[in-house]
Amino acid sequence: MYVCLCNGYTDRDIRNAVREGGVRTAEEAYLSLGNGFCCGACQDCACQLVEEELPNQRLLAAE
């Protein structure tokens, strides 16, 4: 589903940024995808997605 209409980011984009990119906040996830928050309407949802995905984050040092 689309989370951010301004940037066209989906829940999958944000989850992958956390899982694969090692980001720890919604702001970091957005920046890793290319842009920060625009209007901010998606911020709460993005933060929730990041919090849900943090336990699934790959530890880069272990790989």
PDB file of N, CA and C in Angstrom:
ATOM      1  N   MET A   1       0.841  -1.171   0.000  1.00  0.00           N
ATOM      2  CA  MET A   1       0.000   0.000   0.000  1.00  0.00           C
ATOM      3  C   MET A   1       0.890   1.240   0.000  1.00  0.00           C
ATOM      4  N   TYR A   2       0.370   2.295  -0.598  1.00  0.00           N
ATOM      5  CA  TYR A   2       1.109   3.549  -0.583  1.00  0.00           C
ATOM      6  C   TYR A   2       0.996   4.190   0.791  1.00  0.00           C
ATOM      7  N   VAL A   3       2.130   4.571   1.341  1.00  0.00           N
ATOM      8  CA  VAL A   3       2.186   5.266   2.616  1.00  0.00           C
ATOM      9  C   VAL A   3       2.349   6.754   2.354  1.00  0.00           C
ATOM     10  N   CYS A   4       3.244   7.095   1.450  1.00  0.00           N
ATOM     11  CA  CYS A   4       3.553   8.491   1.134  1.00  0.00           C
ATOM     12  C   CYS A   4       3.160   8.778  -0.310  1.00  0.00           C
ATOM     13  N   LEU A   5       2.128   9.555  -0.476  1.00  0.00           N
ATOM     14  CA  LEU A   5       1.685   9.906  -1.819  1.00  0.00           C
ATOM     15  C   LEU A   5       2.588  10.964  -2.444  1.00  0.00           C
ATOM     16  N   CYS A   6       3.169  11.834  -1.635  1.00  0.00           N
ATOM     17  CA  CYS A   6       4.054  12.879  -2.160  1.00  0.00           C
ATOM     18  C   CYS A   6       5.270  12.276  -2.863  1.00  0.00           C
ATOM     19  N   ASN A   7       5.865  11.261  -2.241  1.00  0.00           N
ATOM     20  CA  ASN A   7       7.082  10.640  -2.771  1.00  0.00           C
ATOM     21  C   ASN A   7       6.824   9.309  -3.453  1.00  0.00           C
ATOM     22  N   GLY A   8       5.640   8.770  -3.310  1.00  0.00           N
ATOM     23  CA  GLY A   8       5.324   7.481  -3.923  1.00  0.00           C
ATOM     24  C   GLY A   8       5.924   6.290  -3.196  1.00  0.00           C
ATOM     25  N   TYR A   9       6.164   6.411  -1.886  1.00  0.00           N
ATOM     26  CA  TYR A   9       6.753   5.320  -1.119  1.00  0.00           C
ATOM     27  C   TYR A   9       5.659   4.384  -0.610  1.00  0.00           C
ATOM     28  N   THR A  10       5.959   3.099  -0.669  1.00  0.00           N
ATOM     29  CA  THR A  10       5.028   2.086  -0.189  1.00  0.00           C
ATOM     30  C   THR A  10       5.494   1.541   1.155  1.00  0.00           C
ATOM     31  N   ASP A  11       4.620   0.788   1.785  1.00  0.00           N
ATOM     32  CA  ASP A  11       5.011   0.140   3.039  1.00  0.00           C
ATOM     33  C   ASP A  11       6.187  -0.795   2.799  1.00  0.00           C
ATOM     34  N   ARG A  12       6.223  -1.446   1.674  1.00  0.00           N
ATOM     35  CA  ARG A  12       7.329  -2.355   1.337  1.00  0.00           C
ATOM     36  C   ARG A  12       8.644  -1.588   1.220  1.00  0.00           C
ATOM     37  N   ASP A  13       8.610  -0.398   0.601  1.00  0.00           N
ATOM     38  CA  ASP A  13       9.818   0.429   0.496  1.00  0.00           C
ATOM     39  C   ASP A  13      10.375   0.751   1.874  1.00  0.00           C
ATOM     40  N   ILE A  14       9.494   1.157   2.773  1.00  0.00           N
ATOM     41  CA  ILE A  14       9.924   1.552   4.111  1.00  0.00           C
ATOM     42  C   ILE A  14      10.430   0.342   4.891  1.00  0.00           C
ATOM     43  N   ARG A  15       9.701  -0.770   4.812  1.00  0.00           N
ATOM     44  CA  ARG A  15      10.141  -1.986   5.509  1.00  0.00           C
ATOM     45  C   ARG A  15      11.494  -2.463   4.990  1.00  0.00           C
ATOM     46  N   ASN A  16      11.707  -2.420   3.684  1.00  0.00           N
ATOM     47  CA  ASN A  16      12.991  -2.835   3.114  1.00  0.00           C
ATOM     48  C   ASN A  16      14.117  -1.905   3.529  1.00  0.00           C
ATOM     49  N   ALA A  17      13.831  -0.617   3.640  1.00  0.00           N
ATOM     50  CA  ALA A  17      14.858   0.332   4.081  1.00  0.00           C
ATOM     51  C   ALA A  17      15.322  -0.003   5.495  1.00  0.00           C
ATOM     52  N   VAL A  18      14.399  -0.436   6.330  1.00  0.00           N
ATOM     53  CA  VAL A  18      14.754  -0.817   7.703  1.00  0.00           C
ATOM     54  C   VAL A  18      15.476  -2.164   7.697  1.00  0.00           C
ATOM     55  N   ARG A  19      14.889  -3.125   7.026  1.00  0.00           N
ATOM     56  CA  ARG A  19      15.419  -4.489   7.049  1.00  0.00           C
ATOM     57  C   ARG A  19      16.778  -4.586   6.362  1.00  0.00           C
ATOM     58  N   GLU A  20      16.900  -3.972   5.199  1.00  0.00           N
ATOM     59  CA  GLU A  20      18.117  -4.120   4.395  1.00  0.00           C
ATOM     60  C   GLU A  20      19.083  -2.948   4.531  1.00  0.00           C
ATOM     61  N   GLY A  21      18.533  -1.757   4.773  1.00  0.00           N
ATOM     62  CA  GLY A  21      19.373  -0.564   4.776  1.00  0.00           C
ATOM     63  C   GLY A  21      19.894  -0.160   6.131  1.00  0.00           C
ATOM     64  N   GLY A  22      19.390  -0.781   7.185  1.00  0.00           N
ATOM     65  CA  GLY A  22      19.887  -0.501   8.514  1.00  0.00           C
ATOM     66  C   GLY A  22      19.404   0.800   9.137  1.00  0.00           C
ATOM     67  N   VAL A  23      18.384   1.402   8.562  1.00  0.00           N
ATOM     68  CA  VAL A  23      17.882   2.645   9.143  1.00  0.00           C
ATOM     69  C   VAL A  23      17.087   2.347  10.404  1.00  0.00           C
ATOM     70  N   ARG A  24      16.996   3.339  11.291  1.00  0.00           N
ATOM     71  CA  ARG A  24      16.334   3.119  12.574  1.00  0.00           C
ATOM     72  C   ARG A  24      15.194   4.086  12.845  1.00  0.00           C
ATOM     73  N   THR A  25      14.977   5.050  11.939  1.00  0.00           N
ATOM     74  CA  THR A  25      13.877   5.991  12.104  1.00  0.00           C
ATOM     75  C   THR A  25      13.172   6.186  10.769  1.00  0.00           C
ATOM     76  N   ALA A  26      11.965   6.706  10.833  1.00  0.00           N
ATOM     77  CA  ALA A  26      11.226   6.987   9.604  1.00  0.00           C
ATOM     78  C   ALA A  26      11.945   8.043   8.773  1.00  0.00           C
ATOM     79  N   GLU A  27      12.521   9.022   9.429  1.00  0.00           N
ATOM     80  CA  GLU A  27      13.256  10.059   8.704  1.00  0.00           C
ATOM     81  C   GLU A  27      14.435   9.465   7.935  1.00  0.00           C
ATOM     82  N   GLU A  28      15.163   8.563   8.588  1.00  0.00           N
ATOM     83  CA  GLU A  28      16.290   7.900   7.926  1.00  0.00           C
ATOM     84  C   GLU A  28      15.807   7.047   6.761  1.00  0.00           C
ATOM     85  N   ALA A  29      14.680   6.376   6.940  1.00  0.00           N
ATOM     86  CA  ALA A  29      14.130   5.547   5.866  1.00  0.00           C
ATOM     87  C   ALA A  29      13.808   6.397   4.652  1.00  0.00           C
ATOM     88  N   TYR A  30      13.148   7.529   4.869  1.00  0.00           N
ATOM     89  CA  TYR A  30      12.789   8.409   3.755  1.00  0.00           C
ATOM     90  C   TYR A  30      14.030   8.942   3.060  1.00  0.00           C
ATOM     91  N   LEU A  31      15.011   9.368   3.833  1.00  0.00           N
ATOM     92  CA  LEU A  31      16.227   9.898   3.234  1.00  0.00           C
ATOM     93  C   LEU A  31      16.966   8.824   2.444  1.00  0.00           C
ATOM     94  N   SER A  32      16.941   7.591   2.939  1.00  0.00           N
ATOM     95  CA  SER A  32      17.601   6.506   2.208  1.00  0.00           C
ATOM     96  C   SER A  32      16.879   6.186   0.906  1.00  0.00           C
ATOM     97  N   LEU A  33      15.602   6.529   0.838  1.00  0.00           N
ATOM     98  CA  LEU A  33      14.820   6.302  -0.375  1.00  0.00           C
ATOM     99  C   LEU A  33      14.923   7.474  -1.351  1.00  0.00           C
ATOM    100  N   GLY A  34      15.490   8.581  -0.896  1.00  0.00           N
ATOM    101  CA  GLY A  34      15.727   9.686  -1.818  1.00  0.00           C
ATOM    102  C   GLY A  34      15.167  11.030  -1.424  1.00  0.00           C
ATOM    103  N   ASN A  35      14.180  11.074  -0.545  1.00  0.00           N
ATOM    104  CA  ASN A  35      13.574  12.337  -0.132  1.00  0.00           C
ATOM    105  C   ASN A  35      13.132  12.252   1.314  1.00  0.00           C
ATOM    106  N   GLY A  36      13.032  13.399   1.948  1.00  0.00           N
ATOM    107  CA  GLY A  36      12.490  13.458   3.290  1.00  0.00           C
ATOM    108  C   GLY A  36      10.977  13.595   3.238  1.00  0.00           C
ATOM    109  N   PHE A  37      10.374  13.849   4.380  1.00  0.00           N
ATOM    110  CA  PHE A  37       8.930  14.063   4.447  1.00  0.00           C
ATOM    111  C   PHE A  37       8.573  15.343   3.704  1.00  0.00           C
ATOM    112  N   CYS A  38       7.456  15.349   3.029  1.00  0.00           N
ATOM    113  CA  CYS A  38       6.959  16.558   2.358  1.00  0.00           C
ATOM    114  C   CYS A  38       5.863  17.182   3.211  1.00  0.00           C
ATOM    115  N   CYS A  39       4.635  16.717   3.048  1.00  0.00           N
ATOM    116  CA  CYS A  39       3.515  17.317   3.777  1.00  0.00           C
ATOM    117  C   CYS A  39       3.392  16.779   5.203  1.00  0.00           C
ATOM    118  N   GLY A  40       3.960  15.596   5.466  1.00  0.00           N
ATOM    119  CA  GLY A  40       3.948  15.030   6.810  1.00  0.00           C
ATOM    120  C   GLY A  40       2.733  14.192   7.155  1.00  0.00           C
ATOM    121  N   ALA A  41       1.775  14.071   6.249  1.00  0.00           N
ATOM    122  CA  ALA A  41       0.565  13.296   6.535  1.00  0.00           C
ATOM    123  C   ALA A  41       0.869  11.817   6.768  1.00  0.00           C
ATOM    124  N   CYS A  42       1.957  11.329   6.239  1.00  0.00           N
ATOM    125  CA  CYS A  42       2.310   9.909   6.335  1.00  0.00           C
ATOM    126  C   CYS A  42       3.225   9.603   7.509  1.00  0.00           C
ATOM    127  N   GLN A  43       3.665  10.613   8.219  1.00  0.00           N
ATOM    128  CA  GLN A  43       4.706  10.434   9.226  1.00  0.00           C
ATOM    129  C   GLN A  43       4.332   9.422  10.300  1.00  0.00           C
ATOM    130  N   ASP A  44       3.127   9.481  10.832  1.00  0.00           N
ATOM    131  CA  ASP A  44       2.718   8.534  11.881  1.00  0.00           C
ATOM    132  C   ASP A  44       2.739   7.100  11.374  1.00  0.00           C
ATOM    133  N   CYS A  45       2.221   6.890  10.183  1.00  0.00           N
ATOM    134  CA  CYS A  45       2.195   5.543   9.596  1.00  0.00           C
ATOM    135  C   CYS A  45       3.620   5.049   9.341  1.00  0.00           C
ATOM    136  N   ALA A  46       4.467   5.904   8.797  1.00  0.00           N
ATOM    137  CA  ALA A  46       5.852   5.523   8.525  1.00  0.00           C
ATOM    138  C   ALA A  46       6.591   5.168   9.808  1.00  0.00           C
ATOM    139  N   CYS A  47       6.373   5.943  10.856  1.00  0.00           N
ATOM    140  CA  CYS A  47       7.011   5.654  12.148  1.00  0.00           C
ATOM    141  C   CYS A  47       6.563   4.303  12.688  1.00  0.00           C
ATOM    142  N   GLN A  48       5.290   4.011  12.551  1.00  0.00           N
ATOM    143  CA  GLN A  48       4.762   2.733  13.012  1.00  0.00           C
ATOM    144  C   GLN A  48       5.376   1.579  12.228  1.00  0.00           C
ATOM    145  N   LEU A  49       5.498   1.728  10.921  1.00  0.00           N
ATOM    146  CA  LEU A  49       6.104   0.680  10.097  1.00  0.00           C
ATOM    147  C   LEU A  49       7.552   0.422  10.498  1.00  0.00           C
ATOM    148  N   VAL A  50       8.290   1.487  10.761  1.00  0.00           N
ATOM    149  CA  VAL A  50       9.688   1.336  11.179  1.00  0.00           C
ATOM    150  C   VAL A  50       9.758   0.598  12.506  1.00  0.00           C
ATOM    151  N   GLU A  51       8.931   0.990  13.453  1.00  0.00           N
ATOM    152  CA  GLU A  51       8.916   0.322  14.759  1.00  0.00           C
ATOM    153  C   GLU A  51       8.590  -1.162  14.628  1.00  0.00           C
ATOM    154  N   GLU A  52       7.648  -1.495  13.762  1.00  0.00           N
ATOM    155  CA  GLU A  52       7.272  -2.895  13.554  1.00  0.00           C
ATOM    156  C   GLU A  52       8.397  -3.689  12.916  1.00  0.00           C
ATOM    157  N   GLU A  53       9.180  -3.033  12.069  1.00  0.00           N
ATOM    158  CA  GLU A  53      10.196  -3.746  11.288  1.00  0.00           C
ATOM    159  C   GLU A  53      11.551  -3.830  11.986  1.00  0.00           C
ATOM    160  N   LEU A  54      11.801  -2.997  12.970  1.00  0.00           N
ATOM    161  CA  LEU A  54      13.114  -2.994  13.632  1.00  0.00           C
ATOM    162  C   LEU A  54      13.553  -4.365  14.144  1.00  0.00           C
ATOM    163  N   PRO A  55      12.665  -5.188  14.723  1.00  0.00           N
ATOM    164  CA  PRO A  55      13.118  -6.518  15.167  1.00  0.00           C
ATOM    165  C   PRO A  55      13.589  -7.423  14.025  1.00  0.00           C
ATOM    166  N   ASN A  56      13.212  -7.110  12.797  1.00  0.00           N
ATOM    167  CA  ASN A  56      13.602  -7.919  11.644  1.00  0.00           C
ATOM    168  C   ASN A  56      14.839  -7.387  10.942  1.00  0.00           C
ATOM    169  N   GLN A  57      15.428  -6.330  11.489  1.00  0.00           N
ATOM    170  CA  GLN A  57      16.570  -5.702  10.861  1.00  0.00           C
ATOM    171  C   GLN A  57      17.766  -6.637  10.874  1.00  0.00           C
ATOM    172  N   ARG A  58      18.420  -6.726   9.766  1.00  0.00           N
ATOM    173  CA  ARG A  58      19.635  -7.554   9.659  1.00  0.00           C
ATOM    174  C   ARG A  58      20.780  -6.859  10.345  1.00  0.00           C
ATOM    175  N   LEU A  59      21.539  -7.610  11.074  1.00  0.00           N
ATOM    176  CA  LEU A  59      22.737  -7.072  11.704  1.00  0.00           C
ATOM    177  C   LEU A  59      23.872  -7.174  10.699  1.00  0.00           C
ATOM    178  N   LEU A  60      24.356  -6.044  10.237  1.00  0.00           N
ATOM    179  CA  LEU A  60      25.388  -6.026   9.205  1.00  0.00           C
ATOM    180  C   LEU A  60      26.699  -6.639   9.705  1.00  0.00           C
ATOM    181  N   ALA A  61      26.982  -6.495  10.985  1.00  0.00           N
ATOM    182  CA  ALA A  61      28.221  -7.050  11.523  1.00  0.00           C
ATOM    183  C   ALA A  61      28.195  -8.576  11.544  1.00  0.00           C
ATOM    184  N   ALA A  62      27.006  -9.166  11.620  1.00  0.00           N
ATOM    185  CA  ALA A  62      26.891 -10.626  11.695  1.00  0.00           C
ATOM    186  C   ALA A  62      26.999 -11.276  10.323  1.00  0.00           C
ATOM    187  N   GLU A  63      26.884 -10.503   9.273  1.00  0.00           N
ATOM    188  CA  GLU A  63      26.909 -11.103   7.921  1.00  0.00           C
ATOM    189  C   GLU A  63      28.285 -11.126   7.332  1.00  0.00           C
TER     190      GLU A  63
END
